[in-house]
Protein backbone atom coordinates (compact mmCIF):
# COMPACT_ATOMS: atom_id res chain seq x y z
CA ASP A 1 52.56 -65.31 14.61
CA SER A 2 54.97 -63.73 17.22
CA GLY A 3 55.57 -65.78 19.82
CA GLN A 4 56.50 -68.76 17.34
CA ARG A 5 59.84 -70.45 17.12
CA VAL A 6 60.99 -71.06 13.29
CA GLU A 7 64.25 -73.95 13.27
CA ILE A 8 66.04 -73.99 10.11
CA GLN A 9 69.20 -76.37 9.29
CA VAL A 10 71.32 -75.38 6.60
CA TYR A 11 73.32 -78.36 5.22
CA ARG A 12 74.51 -77.72 1.58
CA LEU A 13 74.67 -75.02 -0.91
CA VAL A 14 74.24 -76.23 -4.51
CA SER A 15 75.37 -73.02 -5.73
CA VAL A 16 74.49 -69.60 -4.32
CA GLY A 17 76.67 -66.67 -5.48
CA HIS A 18 80.72 -67.07 -4.32
CA PHE A 19 82.48 -65.93 -1.14
CA ASN A 20 84.95 -62.86 -1.77
CA GLY A 21 87.88 -63.80 0.06
CA THR A 22 88.41 -60.45 1.57
CA ARG A 23 88.46 -59.36 5.14
CA ARG A 24 85.34 -58.24 5.03
CA CYS A 25 83.45 -61.87 4.62
CA SER A 26 80.95 -60.91 2.10
CA CYS A 27 79.16 -62.83 -0.20
CA GLU A 28 79.02 -61.20 -4.18
CA ALA A 29 76.15 -62.63 -6.97
CA GLY A 30 73.96 -64.18 -4.48
CA PHE A 31 73.48 -65.82 -0.65
CA ILE A 32 71.13 -66.81 2.01
CA GLN A 33 70.25 -64.51 5.34
CA LEU A 34 68.30 -64.73 7.72
CA VAL A 35 66.64 -61.52 9.25
CA ASP A 36 64.20 -60.83 11.92
CA GLY A 37 60.93 -59.33 11.05
CA ARG A 38 57.63 -59.18 9.46
CA ASP A 39 58.93 -56.68 6.67
CA PRO A 40 62.91 -58.10 6.59
CA VAL A 41 65.72 -55.56 4.89
CA PRO A 42 68.94 -57.59 4.34
CA GLY A 43 71.80 -56.01 5.91
CA ARG A 44 75.56 -56.70 6.87
CA GLY A 45 74.38 -57.55 10.61
CA TYR A 46 73.54 -60.62 9.44
CA THR A 47 74.77 -64.03 8.40
CA GLN A 48 75.64 -64.52 4.97
CA LEU A 49 75.77 -67.92 3.43
CA CYS A 50 77.12 -68.71 -0.39
CA GLY A 51 79.47 -70.50 -2.11
CA ASN A 52 79.47 -73.63 -4.60
CA ASN A 53 78.84 -77.03 -2.93
CA GLU A 54 79.43 -76.24 -0.13
CA ARG A 55 78.75 -78.89 2.66
CA TYR A 56 78.41 -77.60 6.40
CA ALA A 57 79.03 -80.36 9.65
CA PRO A 58 77.44 -79.05 12.19
CA PRO A 59 74.64 -77.74 9.91
CA VAL A 60 74.11 -74.06 10.18
């Protein structure tokens, strides 16, 4: 429903792709990406989370 708020906090990624280590700051072989819209399409304009046993403090 429009006007509803959803809050998601990620504390840890066990194994989702890996960071490619370049200046482009992108993930390879998988990532988590939260996007807007009813029919979302992943894109570079949104933050990507990836890594193996990554812990986030504070959560993202």
